[in-house]
């Protein structure tokens, strides 16, 4: 899996840099963010969602759309939902990756 990811990252960097430029290291963070927020057919999720159980706020989206004035109870309920969903998402990803490897 690591070799496949490295190959993917290398391809993303090669598409980003201009004419064999030597500043490839300045593009890694952007490429990693793009990878982490891209839908993966094998898991049916983005890597960001699998890690944080929420969608990433993309640079073109305003934070105002995501920040709500909520009370302590809503935050507690949200935390409980995240914890309960975590195991479900991990099981789904594990099953889908096993199916893909067959």
PDB file of N, CA and C in Angstrom:
ATOM      1  N   UNK A   1       0.816  -1.196   0.000  1.00  0.00           N
ATOM      2  CA  UNK A   1       0.000   0.000   0.000  1.00  0.00           C
ATOM      3  C   UNK A   1       0.859   1.260   0.000  1.00  0.00           C
ATOM      4  N   UNK A   2       1.967   1.232   0.741  1.00  0.00           N
ATOM      5  CA  UNK A   2       2.825   2.411   0.825  1.00  0.00           C
ATOM      6  C   UNK A   2       3.407   2.745  -0.540  1.00  0.00           C
ATOM      7  N   UNK A   3       3.863   1.715  -1.253  1.00  0.00           N
ATOM      8  CA  UNK A   3       4.438   1.951  -2.571  1.00  0.00           C
ATOM      9  C   UNK A   3       3.398   2.550  -3.518  1.00  0.00           C
ATOM     10  N   UNK A   4       2.171   2.067  -3.438  1.00  0.00           N
ATOM     11  CA  UNK A   4       1.100   2.583  -4.286  1.00  0.00           C
ATOM     12  C   UNK A   4       0.824   4.050  -3.960  1.00  0.00           C
ATOM     13  N   UNK A   5       0.772   4.372  -2.657  1.00  0.00           N
ATOM     14  CA  UNK A   5       0.538   5.764  -2.269  1.00  0.00           C
ATOM     15  C   UNK A   5       1.685   6.656  -2.738  1.00  0.00           C
ATOM     16  N   UNK A   6       2.918   6.202  -2.545  1.00  0.00           N
ATOM     17  CA  UNK A   6       4.069   7.000  -2.986  1.00  0.00           C
ATOM     18  C   UNK A   6       4.023   7.241  -4.489  1.00  0.00           C
ATOM     19  N   UNK A   7       3.609   6.233  -5.237  1.00  0.00           N
ATOM     20  CA  UNK A   7       3.471   6.369  -6.688  1.00  0.00           C
ATOM     21  C   UNK A   7       2.395   7.411  -7.019  1.00  0.00           C
ATOM     22  N   UNK A   8       1.286   7.360  -6.291  1.00  0.00           N
ATOM     23  CA  UNK A   8       0.208   8.327  -6.497  1.00  0.00           C
ATOM     24  C   UNK A   8       0.683   9.737  -6.174  1.00  0.00           C
ATOM     25  N   UNK A   9       1.346   9.902  -5.036  1.00  0.00           N
ATOM     26  CA  UNK A   9       1.842  11.220  -4.630  1.00  0.00           C
ATOM     27  C   UNK A   9       2.860  11.755  -5.640  1.00  0.00           C
ATOM     28  N   UNK A  10       3.740  10.907  -6.099  1.00  0.00           N
ATOM     29  CA  UNK A  10       4.740  11.315  -7.094  1.00  0.00           C
ATOM     30  C   UNK A  10       4.054  11.804  -8.370  1.00  0.00           C
ATOM     31  N   UNK A  11       3.025  11.074  -8.806  1.00  0.00           N
ATOM     32  CA  UNK A  11       2.282  11.490  -9.993  1.00  0.00           C
ATOM     33  C   UNK A  11       1.597  12.833  -9.802  1.00  0.00           C
ATOM     34  N   UNK A  12       1.034  13.059  -8.609  1.00  0.00           N
ATOM     35  CA  UNK A  12       0.382  14.340  -8.326  1.00  0.00           C
ATOM     36  C   UNK A  12       1.397  15.479  -8.348  1.00  0.00           C
ATOM     37  N   UNK A  13       2.554  15.252  -7.747  1.00  0.00           N
ATOM     38  CA  UNK A  13       3.592  16.290  -7.717  1.00  0.00           C
ATOM     39  C   UNK A  13       4.090  16.573  -9.129  1.00  0.00           C
ATOM     40  N   UNK A  14       4.303  15.522  -9.923  1.00  0.00           N
ATOM     41  CA  UNK A  14       4.772  15.709 -11.302  1.00  0.00           C
ATOM     42  C   UNK A  14       3.790  16.531 -12.125  1.00  0.00           C
ATOM     43  N   UNK A  15       2.496  16.376 -11.872  1.00  0.00           N
ATOM     44  CA  UNK A  15       1.493  17.150 -12.603  1.00  0.00           C
ATOM     45  C   UNK A  15       1.445  18.594 -12.122  1.00  0.00           C
ATOM     46  N   UNK A  16       1.921  18.837 -10.907  1.00  0.00           N
ATOM     47  CA  UNK A  16       1.858  20.167 -10.318  1.00  0.00           C
ATOM     48  C   UNK A  16       3.055  21.033 -10.690  1.00  0.00           C
ATOM     49  N   UNK A  17       4.234  20.439 -10.747  1.00  0.00           N
ATOM     50  CA  UNK A  17       5.436  21.232 -11.019  1.00  0.00           C
ATOM     51  C   UNK A  17       5.567  21.515 -12.506  1.00  0.00           C
ATOM     52  N   UNK A  18       6.298  22.550 -12.818  1.00  0.00           N
ATOM     53  CA  UNK A  18       6.468  22.966 -14.209  1.00  0.00           C
ATOM     54  C   UNK A  18       7.839  22.559 -14.727  1.00  0.00           C
ATOM     55  N   UNK A  19       7.879  21.851 -15.821  1.00  0.00           N
ATOM     56  CA  UNK A  19       9.121  21.538 -16.548  1.00  0.00           C
ATOM     57  C   UNK A  19      10.273  21.099 -15.650  1.00  0.00           C
ATOM     58  N   UNK A  20      10.091  19.997 -14.943  1.00  0.00           N
ATOM     59  CA  UNK A  20      11.149  19.436 -14.090  1.00  0.00           C
ATOM     60  C   UNK A  20      11.705  20.437 -13.081  1.00  0.00           C
ATOM     61  N   UNK A  21      10.840  21.264 -12.571  1.00  0.00           N
ATOM     62  CA  UNK A  21      11.236  22.270 -11.589  1.00  0.00           C
ATOM     63  C   UNK A  21      11.813  21.613 -10.343  1.00  0.00           C
ATOM     64  N   UNK A  22      12.698  22.316  -9.683  1.00  0.00           N
ATOM     65  CA  UNK A  22      13.339  21.789  -8.484  1.00  0.00           C
ATOM     66  C   UNK A  22      12.582  22.157  -7.206  1.00  0.00           C
ATOM     67  N   UNK A  23      11.445  22.826  -7.325  1.00  0.00           N
ATOM     68  CA  UNK A  23      10.691  23.232  -6.132  1.00  0.00           C
ATOM     69  C   UNK A  23       9.565  22.251  -5.789  1.00  0.00           C
ATOM     70  N   UNK A  24       9.749  20.983  -6.119  1.00  0.00           N
ATOM     71  CA  UNK A  24       8.722  19.960  -5.892  1.00  0.00           C
ATOM     72  C   UNK A  24       8.303  19.891  -4.430  1.00  0.00           C
ATOM     73  N   UNK A  25       9.238  20.147  -3.517  1.00  0.00           N
ATOM     74  CA  UNK A  25       8.933  20.032  -2.093  1.00  0.00           C
ATOM     75  C   UNK A  25       7.941  21.087  -1.627  1.00  0.00           C
ATOM     76  N   UNK A  26       7.805  22.168  -2.372  1.00  0.00           N
ATOM     77  CA  UNK A  26       6.849  23.213  -2.012  1.00  0.00           C
ATOM     78  C   UNK A  26       5.419  22.837  -2.400  1.00  0.00           C
ATOM     79  N   UNK A  27       5.252  21.752  -3.111  1.00  0.00           N
ATOM     80  CA  UNK A  27       3.928  21.333  -3.578  1.00  0.00           C
ATOM     81  C   UNK A  27       3.368  20.142  -2.793  1.00  0.00           C
ATOM     82  N   UNK A  28       4.145  19.581  -1.904  1.00  0.00           N
ATOM     83  CA  UNK A  28       3.722  18.358  -1.209  1.00  0.00           C
ATOM     84  C   UNK A  28       2.456  18.577  -0.388  1.00  0.00           C
ATOM     85  N   UNK A  29       2.416  19.644   0.405  1.00  0.00           N
ATOM     86  CA  UNK A  29       1.251  19.873   1.269  1.00  0.00           C
ATOM     87  C   UNK A  29      -0.037  20.015   0.462  1.00  0.00           C
ATOM     88  N   UNK A  30       0.034  20.749  -0.645  1.00  0.00           N
ATOM     89  CA  UNK A  30      -1.147  20.917  -1.496  1.00  0.00           C
ATOM     90  C   UNK A  30      -1.585  19.577  -2.079  1.00  0.00           C
ATOM     91  N   UNK A  31      -0.629  18.784  -2.527  1.00  0.00           N
ATOM     92  CA  UNK A  31      -0.950  17.467  -3.092  1.00  0.00           C
ATOM     93  C   UNK A  31      -1.536  16.544  -2.026  1.00  0.00           C
ATOM     94  N   UNK A  32      -0.979  16.566  -0.825  1.00  0.00           N
ATOM     95  CA  UNK A  32      -1.507  15.731   0.258  1.00  0.00           C
ATOM     96  C   UNK A  32      -2.928  16.141   0.625  1.00  0.00           C
ATOM     97  N   UNK A  33      -3.195  17.448   0.683  1.00  0.00           N
ATOM     98  CA  UNK A  33      -4.551  17.904   0.990  1.00  0.00           C
ATOM     99  C   UNK A  33      -5.518  17.440  -0.090  1.00  0.00           C
ATOM    100  N   UNK A  34      -5.106  17.554  -1.351  1.00  0.00           N
ATOM    101  CA  UNK A  34      -5.956  17.086  -2.451  1.00  0.00           C
ATOM    102  C   UNK A  34      -6.237  15.593  -2.335  1.00  0.00           C
ATOM    103  N   UNK A  35      -5.226  14.827  -1.999  1.00  0.00           N
ATOM    104  CA  UNK A  35      -5.398  13.379  -1.843  1.00  0.00           C
ATOM    105  C   UNK A  35      -6.347  13.071  -0.686  1.00  0.00           C
ATOM    106  N   UNK A  36      -6.129  13.728   0.434  1.00  0.00           N
ATOM    107  CA  UNK A  36      -6.925  13.445   1.638  1.00  0.00           C
ATOM    108  C   UNK A  36      -8.381  13.856   1.499  1.00  0.00           C
ATOM    109  N   UNK A  37      -8.673  14.786   0.603  1.00  0.00           N
ATOM    110  CA  UNK A  37     -10.049  15.248   0.444  1.00  0.00           C
ATOM    111  C   UNK A  37     -10.701  14.708  -0.826  1.00  0.00           C
ATOM    112  N   UNK A  38     -10.047  13.755  -1.470  1.00  0.00           N
ATOM    113  CA  UNK A  38     -10.604  13.130  -2.678  1.00  0.00           C
ATOM    114  C   UNK A  38     -11.325  11.836  -2.317  1.00  0.00           C
ATOM    115  N   UNK A  39     -12.447  11.608  -2.975  1.00  0.00           N
ATOM    116  CA  UNK A  39     -13.235  10.390  -2.790  1.00  0.00           C
ATOM    117  C   UNK A  39     -12.441   9.196  -3.301  1.00  0.00           C
ATOM    118  N   UNK A  40     -12.384   8.139  -2.511  1.00  0.00           N
ATOM    119  CA  UNK A  40     -11.677   6.925  -2.912  1.00  0.00           C
ATOM    120  C   UNK A  40     -12.694   5.824  -3.191  1.00  0.00           C
ATOM    121  N   UNK A  41     -12.640   5.289  -4.385  1.00  0.00           N
ATOM    122  CA  UNK A  41     -13.604   4.264  -4.788  1.00  0.00           C
ATOM    123  C   UNK A  41     -13.504   3.009  -3.925  1.00  0.00           C
ATOM    124  N   UNK A  42     -12.314   2.678  -3.470  1.00  0.00           N
ATOM    125  CA  UNK A  42     -12.147   1.439  -2.698  1.00  0.00           C
ATOM    126  C   UNK A  42     -12.787   1.521  -1.320  1.00  0.00           C
ATOM    127  N   UNK A  43     -12.785   2.703  -0.692  1.00  0.00           N
ATOM    128  CA  UNK A  43     -13.370   2.836   0.651  1.00  0.00           C
ATOM    129  C   UNK A  43     -14.734   3.506   0.630  1.00  0.00           C
ATOM    130  N   UNK A  44     -15.051   4.196  -0.444  1.00  0.00           N
ATOM    131  CA  UNK A  44     -16.281   4.977  -0.590  1.00  0.00           C
ATOM    132  C   UNK A  44     -16.294   6.209   0.315  1.00  0.00           C
ATOM    133  N   UNK A  45     -15.131   6.610   0.808  1.00  0.00           N
ATOM    134  CA  UNK A  45     -14.981   7.792   1.658  1.00  0.00           C
ATOM    135  C   UNK A  45     -13.733   8.555   1.224  1.00  0.00           C
ATOM    136  N   UNK A  46     -13.594   9.775   1.750  1.00  0.00           N
ATOM    137  CA  UNK A  46     -12.317  10.475   1.629  1.00  0.00           C
ATOM    138  C   UNK A  46     -11.455  10.063   2.818  1.00  0.00           C
ATOM    139  N   UNK A  47     -10.125  10.044   2.667  1.00  0.00           N
ATOM    140  CA  UNK A  47      -9.280   9.739   3.822  1.00  0.00           C
ATOM    141  C   UNK A  47      -9.517  10.711   4.979  1.00  0.00           C
ATOM    142  N   UNK A  48      -9.805  11.971   4.660  1.00  0.00           N
ATOM    143  CA  UNK A  48     -10.073  12.955   5.710  1.00  0.00           C
ATOM    144  C   UNK A  48     -11.286  12.533   6.534  1.00  0.00           C
ATOM    145  N   UNK A  49     -12.350  12.096   5.860  1.00  0.00           N
ATOM    146  CA  UNK A  49     -13.556  11.673   6.576  1.00  0.00           C
ATOM    147  C   UNK A  49     -13.284  10.450   7.448  1.00  0.00           C
ATOM    148  N   UNK A  50     -12.510   9.523   6.945  1.00  0.00           N
ATOM    149  CA  UNK A  50     -12.192   8.316   7.715  1.00  0.00           C
ATOM    150  C   UNK A  50     -11.445   8.687   8.994  1.00  0.00           C
ATOM    151  N   UNK A  51     -10.573   9.677   8.915  1.00  0.00           N
ATOM    152  CA  UNK A  51      -9.797  10.083  10.092  1.00  0.00           C
ATOM    153  C   UNK A  51     -10.608  10.918  11.077  1.00  0.00           C
ATOM    154  N   UNK A  52     -11.405  11.867  10.564  1.00  0.00           N
ATOM    155  CA  UNK A  52     -12.042  12.856  11.434  1.00  0.00           C
ATOM    156  C   UNK A  52     -13.560  12.761  11.495  1.00  0.00           C
ATOM    157  N   UNK A  53     -14.157  11.861  10.726  1.00  0.00           N
ATOM    158  CA  UNK A  53     -15.611  11.668  10.669  1.00  0.00           C
ATOM    159  C   UNK A  53     -16.370  12.955  10.381  1.00  0.00           C
ATOM    160  N   UNK A  54     -15.797  13.762   9.536  1.00  0.00           N
ATOM    161  CA  UNK A  54     -16.455  14.972   9.030  1.00  0.00           C
ATOM    162  C   UNK A  54     -15.770  15.342   7.724  1.00  0.00           C
ATOM    163  N   UNK A  55     -16.466  16.098   6.922  1.00  0.00           N
ATOM    164  CA  UNK A  55     -15.860  16.552   5.677  1.00  0.00           C
ATOM    165  C   UNK A  55     -14.931  17.726   5.963  1.00  0.00           C
ATOM    166  N   UNK A  56     -13.882  17.844   5.199  1.00  0.00           N
ATOM    167  CA  UNK A  56     -12.933  18.949   5.357  1.00  0.00           C
ATOM    168  C   UNK A  56     -13.569  20.246   4.876  1.00  0.00           C
ATOM    169  N   UNK A  57     -13.172  21.345   5.494  1.00  0.00           N
ATOM    170  CA  UNK A  57     -13.556  22.661   5.005  1.00  0.00           C
ATOM    171  C   UNK A  57     -12.530  23.031   3.943  1.00  0.00           C
ATOM    172  N   UNK A  58     -12.989  23.138   2.724  1.00  0.00           N
ATOM    173  CA  UNK A  58     -12.097  23.415   1.605  1.00  0.00           C
ATOM    174  C   UNK A  58     -11.767  24.901   1.540  1.00  0.00           C
ATOM    175  N   UNK A  59     -10.642  25.262   0.944  1.00  0.00           N
ATOM    176  CA  UNK A  59     -10.225  26.670   0.909  1.00  0.00           C
ATOM    177  C   UNK A  59     -11.254  27.607   0.281  1.00  0.00           C
ATOM    178  N   UNK A  60     -12.050  27.130  -0.642  1.00  0.00           N
ATOM    179  CA  UNK A  60     -13.040  27.993  -1.289  1.00  0.00           C
ATOM    180  C   UNK A  60     -14.348  28.093  -0.510  1.00  0.00           C
ATOM    181  N   UNK A  61     -14.430  27.428   0.617  1.00  0.00           N
ATOM    182  CA  UNK A  61     -15.628  27.476   1.445  1.00  0.00           C
ATOM    183  C   UNK A  61     -15.365  28.362   2.655  1.00  0.00           C
ATOM    184  N   UNK A  62     -16.382  29.102   3.053  1.00  0.00           N
ATOM    185  CA  UNK A  62     -16.195  29.977   4.206  1.00  0.00           C
ATOM    186  C   UNK A  62     -16.468  29.215   5.487  1.00  0.00           C
ATOM    187  N   UNK A  63     -15.725  29.551   6.509  1.00  0.00           N
ATOM    188  CA  UNK A  63     -15.884  28.906   7.804  1.00  0.00           C
ATOM    189  C   UNK A  63     -17.235  29.250   8.423  1.00  0.00           C
ATOM    190  N   UNK A  64     -17.816  30.384   8.014  1.00  0.00           N
ATOM    191  CA  UNK A  64     -19.116  30.785   8.559  1.00  0.00           C
ATOM    192  C   UNK A  64     -20.186  29.735   8.304  1.00  0.00           C
ATOM    193  N   UNK A  65     -20.069  28.995   7.222  1.00  0.00           N
ATOM    194  CA  UNK A  65     -21.055  27.958   6.906  1.00  0.00           C
ATOM    195  C   UNK A  65     -20.960  26.775   7.849  1.00  0.00           C
ATOM    196  N   UNK A  66     -19.849  26.650   8.555  1.00  0.00           N
ATOM    197  CA  UNK A  66     -19.615  25.472   9.379  1.00  0.00           C
ATOM    198  C   UNK A  66     -19.652  25.753  10.873  1.00  0.00           C
ATOM    199  N   UNK A  67     -19.535  27.008  11.257  1.00  0.00           N
ATOM    200  CA  UNK A  67     -19.528  27.362  12.673  1.00  0.00           C
ATOM    201  C   UNK A  67     -20.930  27.798  13.057  1.00  0.00           C
ATOM    202  N   UNK A  68     -21.494  27.107  14.002  1.00  0.00           N
ATOM    203  CA  UNK A  68     -22.825  27.429  14.483  1.00  0.00           C
ATOM    204  C   UNK A  68     -22.734  27.784  15.953  1.00  0.00           C
ATOM    205  N   UNK A  69     -23.646  28.591  16.402  1.00  0.00           N
ATOM    206  CA  UNK A  69     -23.714  28.951  17.808  1.00  0.00           C
ATOM    207  C   UNK A  69     -24.503  27.858  18.518  1.00  0.00           C
ATOM    208  N   UNK A  70     -23.803  26.917  19.110  1.00  0.00           N
ATOM    209  CA  UNK A  70     -24.457  25.779  19.745  1.00  0.00           C
ATOM    210  C   UNK A  70     -24.108  25.726  21.219  1.00  0.00           C
ATOM    211  N   UNK A  71     -24.983  25.123  21.978  1.00  0.00           N
ATOM    212  CA  UNK A  71     -24.760  24.986  23.405  1.00  0.00           C
ATOM    213  C   UNK A  71     -23.974  23.736  23.745  1.00  0.00           C
ATOM    214  N   UNK A  72     -23.699  23.580  25.039  1.00  0.00           N
ATOM    215  CA  UNK A  72     -22.925  22.431  25.517  1.00  0.00           C
ATOM    216  C   UNK A  72     -23.597  21.107  25.194  1.00  0.00           C
ATOM    217  N   UNK A  73     -24.917  21.056  25.275  1.00  0.00           N
ATOM    218  CA  UNK A  73     -25.641  19.808  25.010  1.00  0.00           C
ATOM    219  C   UNK A  73     -25.449  19.360  23.562  1.00  0.00           C
ATOM    220  N   UNK A  74     -25.512  20.312  22.633  1.00  0.00           N
ATOM    221  CA  UNK A  74     -25.323  19.969  21.222  1.00  0.00           C
ATOM    222  C   UNK A  74     -23.909  19.463  20.965  1.00  0.00           C
ATOM    223  N   UNK A  75     -22.933  20.069  21.621  1.00  0.00           N
ATOM    224  CA  UNK A  75     -21.546  19.627  21.467  1.00  0.00           C
ATOM    225  C   UNK A  75     -21.384  18.222  22.026  1.00  0.00           C
ATOM    226  N   UNK A  76     -21.983  17.965  23.182  1.00  0.00           N
ATOM    227  CA  UNK A  76     -21.897  16.631  23.793  1.00  0.00           C
ATOM    228  C   UNK A  76     -22.559  15.585  22.907  1.00  0.00           C
ATOM    229  N   UNK A  77     -23.731  15.904  22.361  1.00  0.00           N
ATOM    230  CA  UNK A  77     -24.413  14.968  21.458  1.00  0.00           C
ATOM    231  C   UNK A  77     -23.582  14.719  20.208  1.00  0.00           C
ATOM    232  N   UNK A  78     -22.963  15.761  19.698  1.00  0.00           N
ATOM    233  CA  UNK A  78     -22.125  15.611  18.511  1.00  0.00           C
ATOM    234  C   UNK A  78     -20.937  14.706  18.797  1.00  0.00           C
ATOM    235  N   UNK A  79     -20.317  14.880  19.948  1.00  0.00           N
ATOM    236  CA  UNK A  79     -19.179  14.033  20.323  1.00  0.00           C
ATOM    237  C   UNK A  79     -19.612  12.580  20.449  1.00  0.00           C
ATOM    238  N   UNK A  80     -20.773  12.335  21.041  1.00  0.00           N
ATOM    239  CA  UNK A  80     -21.281  10.964  21.171  1.00  0.00           C
ATOM    240  C   UNK A  80     -21.549  10.355  19.800  1.00  0.00           C
ATOM    241  N   UNK A  81     -22.110  11.144  18.893  1.00  0.00           N
ATOM    242  CA  UNK A  81     -22.365  10.651  17.533  1.00  0.00           C
ATOM    243  C   UNK A  81     -21.070  10.297  16.819  1.00  0.00           C
ATOM    244  N   UNK A  82     -20.058  11.122  16.988  1.00  0.00           N
ATOM    245  CA  UNK A  82     -18.767  10.847  16.350  1.00  0.00           C
ATOM    246  C   UNK A  82     -18.193   9.542  16.866  1.00  0.00           C
ATOM    247  N   UNK A  83     -18.227   9.357  18.175  1.00  0.00           N
ATOM    248  CA  UNK A  83     -17.673   8.139  18.770  1.00  0.00           C
ATOM    249  C   UNK A  83     -18.429   6.909  18.287  1.00  0.00           C
ATOM    250  N   UNK A  84     -19.756   6.984  18.238  1.00  0.00           N
ATOM    251  CA  UNK A  84     -20.528   5.818  17.801  1.00  0.00           C
ATOM    252  C   UNK A  84     -20.336   5.542  16.307  1.00  0.00           C
ATOM    253  N   UNK A  85     -20.154   6.584  15.519  1.00  0.00           N
ATOM    254  CA  UNK A  85     -19.952   6.403  14.076  1.00  0.00           C
ATOM    255  C   UNK A  85     -18.547   5.945  13.729  1.00  0.00           C
ATOM    256  N   UNK A  86     -17.594   6.210  14.604  1.00  0.00           N
ATOM    257  CA  UNK A  86     -16.203   5.869  14.326  1.00  0.00           C
ATOM    258  C   UNK A  86     -16.032   4.385  14.042  1.00  0.00           C
ATOM    259  N   UNK A  87     -16.587   3.548  14.886  1.00  0.00           N
ATOM    260  CA  UNK A  87     -16.440   2.101  14.707  1.00  0.00           C
ATOM    261  C   UNK A  87     -17.144   1.631  13.435  1.00  0.00           C
ATOM    262  N   UNK A  88     -18.299   2.211  13.142  1.00  0.00           N
ATOM    263  CA  UNK A  88     -19.038   1.836  11.932  1.00  0.00           C
ATOM    264  C   UNK A  88     -18.212   2.157  10.687  1.00  0.00           C
ATOM    265  N   UNK A  89     -17.644   3.353  10.633  1.00  0.00           N
ATOM    266  CA  UNK A  89     -16.846   3.756   9.471  1.00  0.00           C
ATOM    267  C   UNK A  89     -15.610   2.876   9.347  1.00  0.00           C
ATOM    268  N   UNK A  90     -14.939   2.619  10.452  1.00  0.00           N
ATOM    269  CA  UNK A  90     -13.741   1.769  10.404  1.00  0.00           C
ATOM    270  C   UNK A  90     -14.073   0.363   9.914  1.00  0.00           C
ATOM    271  N   UNK A  91     -15.198  -0.189  10.354  1.00  0.00           N
ATOM    272  CA  UNK A  91     -15.596  -1.522   9.893  1.00  0.00           C
ATOM    273  C   UNK A  91     -15.896  -1.508   8.398  1.00  0.00           C
ATOM    274  N   UNK A  92     -16.627  -0.486   7.947  1.00  0.00           N
ATOM    275  CA  UNK A  92     -16.956  -0.392   6.522  1.00  0.00           C
ATOM    276  C   UNK A  92     -15.698  -0.291   5.667  1.00  0.00           C
ATOM    277  N   UNK A  93     -14.768   0.564   6.080  1.00  0.00           N
ATOM    278  CA  UNK A  93     -13.524   0.730   5.329  1.00  0.00           C
ATOM    279  C   UNK A  93     -12.745  -0.580   5.306  1.00  0.00           C
ATOM    280  N   UNK A  94     -12.645  -1.244   6.454  1.00  0.00           N
ATOM    281  CA  UNK A  94     -11.932  -2.520   6.524  1.00  0.00           C
ATOM    282  C   UNK A  94     -12.534  -3.559   5.600  1.00  0.00           C
ATOM    283  N   UNK A  95     -13.868  -3.665   5.592  1.00  0.00           N
ATOM    284  CA  UNK A  95     -14.542  -4.633   4.729  1.00  0.00           C
ATOM    285  C   UNK A  95     -14.315  -4.312   3.252  1.00  0.00           C
ATOM    286  N   UNK A  96     -14.411  -3.033   2.897  1.00  0.00           N
ATOM    287  CA  UNK A  96     -14.241  -2.650   1.495  1.00  0.00           C
ATOM    288  C   UNK A  96     -12.812  -2.883   1.024  1.00  0.00           C
ATOM    289  N   UNK A  97     -11.845  -2.627   1.896  1.00  0.00           N
ATOM    290  CA  UNK A  97     -10.452  -2.875   1.515  1.00  0.00           C
ATOM    291  C   UNK A  97     -10.172  -4.364   1.384  1.00  0.00           C
ATOM    292  N   UNK A  98     -10.778  -5.190   2.256  1.00  0.00           N
ATOM    293  CA  UNK A  98     -10.613  -6.643   2.139  1.00  0.00           C
ATOM    294  C   UNK A  98     -11.194  -7.142   0.826  1.00  0.00           C
ATOM    295  N   UNK A  99     -12.373  -6.621   0.454  1.00  0.00           N
ATOM    296  CA  UNK A  99     -13.002  -7.020  -0.803  1.00  0.00           C
ATOM    297  C   UNK A  99     -12.127  -6.620  -1.992  1.00  0.00           C
ATOM    298  N   UNK A 100     -11.541  -5.449  -1.916  1.00  0.00           N
ATOM    299  CA  UNK A 100     -10.699  -4.962  -3.014  1.00  0.00           C
ATOM    300  C   UNK A 100      -9.445  -5.815  -3.167  1.00  0.00           C
ATOM    301  N   UNK A 101      -8.921  -6.333  -2.067  1.00  0.00           N
ATOM    302  CA  UNK A 101      -7.686  -7.131  -2.104  1.00  0.00           C
ATOM    303  C   UNK A 101      -7.925  -8.555  -2.587  1.00  0.00           C
ATOM    304  N   UNK A 102      -9.150  -8.994  -2.653  1.00  0.00           N
ATOM    305  CA  UNK A 102      -9.446 -10.376  -3.078  1.00  0.00           C
ATOM    306  C   UNK A 102      -9.246 -10.564  -4.548  1.00  0.00           C
TER     307      UNK A 102
END
